[in-house]
Amino acid sequence: MNVIRRRRAEVYTVTNAPKPMSEDIQYRQRRYLISMSIRTGCFLGAVFAGVAGAPLWLIGLLVVGAVFLPYISVIFANGGREPQPSARFESPDSPHHKGISGQRPEIRS
């Protein structure tokens, strides 16, 4: 007698679907806008600190922020899509699956 073994169908979930490209672009644009706002604040802060006679180290720190933030922002904005965690169904035999014992957990001190 021949026994026909059937493969178990692989289960796909909707949560495995990646975010739409429009959401990803909006997220990266928002992150870039926040970074450029911080850069503008650094630049204006450096100008006002220089006029007010602030310590040179503070002015230098603000200038460095204003100079290097655009480069860092562009790298992160063009870095590509964010990785998405995949959702999957696990079998009850997996090591991460906790069995149901029917007993309440004990609290030990």
Protein backbone atom coordinates (compact mmCIF):
# COMPACT_ATOMS: atom_id res chain seq x y z
CA MET A 1 0.00 0.00 0.00
CA ASN A 2 1.39 3.38 -0.98
CA VAL A 3 1.26 6.08 1.60
CA ILE A 4 1.05 9.56 0.19
CA ARG A 5 2.66 12.07 2.43
CA ARG A 6 1.32 15.52 2.23
CA ARG A 7 3.41 18.50 2.95
CA ARG A 8 2.07 20.86 5.50
CA ALA A 9 0.98 24.06 3.88
CA GLU A 10 3.11 27.01 4.83
CA VAL A 11 1.09 29.60 6.68
CA TYR A 12 1.47 33.24 5.70
CA THR A 13 0.14 36.05 7.83
CA VAL A 14 -0.81 39.56 6.94
CA THR A 15 1.66 40.82 9.53
CA ASN A 16 4.51 39.45 7.40
CA ALA A 17 3.70 42.00 4.73
CA PRO A 18 6.14 44.93 4.70
CA LYS A 19 4.98 48.50 5.28
CA PRO A 20 3.82 50.31 2.16
CA MET A 21 6.52 52.33 0.45
CA SER A 22 4.56 55.54 1.07
CA GLU A 23 4.68 54.97 4.85
CA ASP A 24 8.40 54.26 4.70
CA ILE A 25 9.07 57.42 2.70
CA GLN A 26 7.00 59.51 5.12
CA TYR A 27 8.93 58.07 8.06
CA ARG A 28 12.30 58.87 6.47
CA GLN A 29 11.17 62.37 5.46
CA ARG A 30 9.97 63.10 8.99
CA ARG A 31 13.27 61.87 10.45
CA TYR A 32 15.22 64.02 7.98
CA LEU A 33 13.09 67.08 8.77
CA ILE A 34 13.69 66.66 12.52
CA SER A 35 17.42 66.30 11.94
CA MET A 36 17.54 69.41 9.75
CA SER A 37 15.58 71.33 12.39
CA ILE A 38 18.20 70.36 14.96
CA ARG A 39 20.91 71.48 12.51
CA THR A 40 19.21 74.85 12.05
CA GLY A 41 19.00 75.20 15.83
CA CYS A 42 22.72 74.44 16.10
CA PHE A 43 23.55 77.05 13.47
CA LEU A 44 21.36 79.76 15.02
CA GLY A 45 22.63 78.82 18.46
CA ALA A 46 26.23 79.22 17.28
CA VAL A 47 25.47 82.65 15.84
CA PHE A 48 23.66 83.86 18.96
CA ALA A 49 26.29 82.33 21.25
CA GLY A 50 29.03 84.09 19.30
CA VAL A 51 27.24 87.44 19.51
CA ALA A 52 26.56 86.96 23.24
CA GLY A 53 30.20 86.14 23.97
CA ALA A 54 29.68 82.49 25.00
CA PRO A 55 32.68 80.22 25.60
CA LEU A 56 34.53 79.15 22.47
CA TRP A 57 33.98 75.42 23.16
CA LEU A 58 30.20 75.93 23.09
CA ILE A 59 30.32 77.82 19.80
CA GLY A 60 32.62 75.15 18.35
CA LEU A 61 30.29 72.35 19.46
CA LEU A 62 27.30 74.04 17.84
CA VAL A 63 29.24 74.67 14.61
CA VAL A 64 30.35 71.03 14.45
CA GLY A 65 26.72 69.96 14.89
CA ALA A 66 25.60 72.32 12.13
CA VAL A 67 28.33 71.08 9.77
CA PHE A 68 28.08 67.31 10.27
CA LEU A 69 24.35 66.78 10.83
CA PRO A 70 23.41 67.17 7.12
CA TYR A 71 25.80 64.38 6.12
CA ILE A 72 24.53 62.05 8.83
CA SER A 73 20.91 62.90 8.01
CA VAL A 74 21.32 62.14 4.32
CA ILE A 75 22.99 58.81 5.09
CA PHE A 76 20.13 57.75 7.35
CA ALA A 77 17.41 59.09 5.03
CA ASN A 78 18.81 57.23 2.01
CA GLY A 79 19.69 54.10 3.95
CA GLY A 80 16.72 52.16 2.67
CA ARG A 81 13.75 50.54 4.24
CA GLU A 82 13.69 49.68 7.90
CA PRO A 83 13.86 45.94 8.60
CA GLN A 84 10.56 44.48 9.68
CA PRO A 85 10.28 41.70 12.23
CA SER A 86 8.52 38.73 10.75
CA ALA A 87 5.55 37.18 12.46
CA ARG A 88 5.29 33.44 12.26
CA PHE A 89 3.34 30.66 13.77
CA GLU A 90 5.34 28.32 15.90
CA SER A 91 4.57 24.72 16.51
CA PRO A 92 3.82 23.64 20.07
CA ASP A 93 7.04 21.63 20.00
CA SER A 94 9.24 24.71 19.62
CA PRO A 95 11.52 25.63 22.54
CA HIS A 96 9.87 29.04 22.90
CA HIS A 97 6.39 27.63 23.37
CA LYS A 98 5.25 27.36 26.96
CA GLY A 99 2.95 24.52 27.76
CA ILE A 100 -0.23 24.90 29.72
CA SER A 101 0.05 23.12 33.02
CA GLY A 102 -3.26 24.09 34.55
CA GLN A 103 -1.51 25.28 37.69
CA ARG A 104 -0.99 28.83 38.78
CA PRO A 105 2.62 30.04 38.77
CA GLU A 106 4.20 30.31 42.15
CA ILE A 107 5.92 33.42 43.34
CA ARG A 108 9.09 32.67 45.20
CA SER A 109 11.09 35.15 47.19
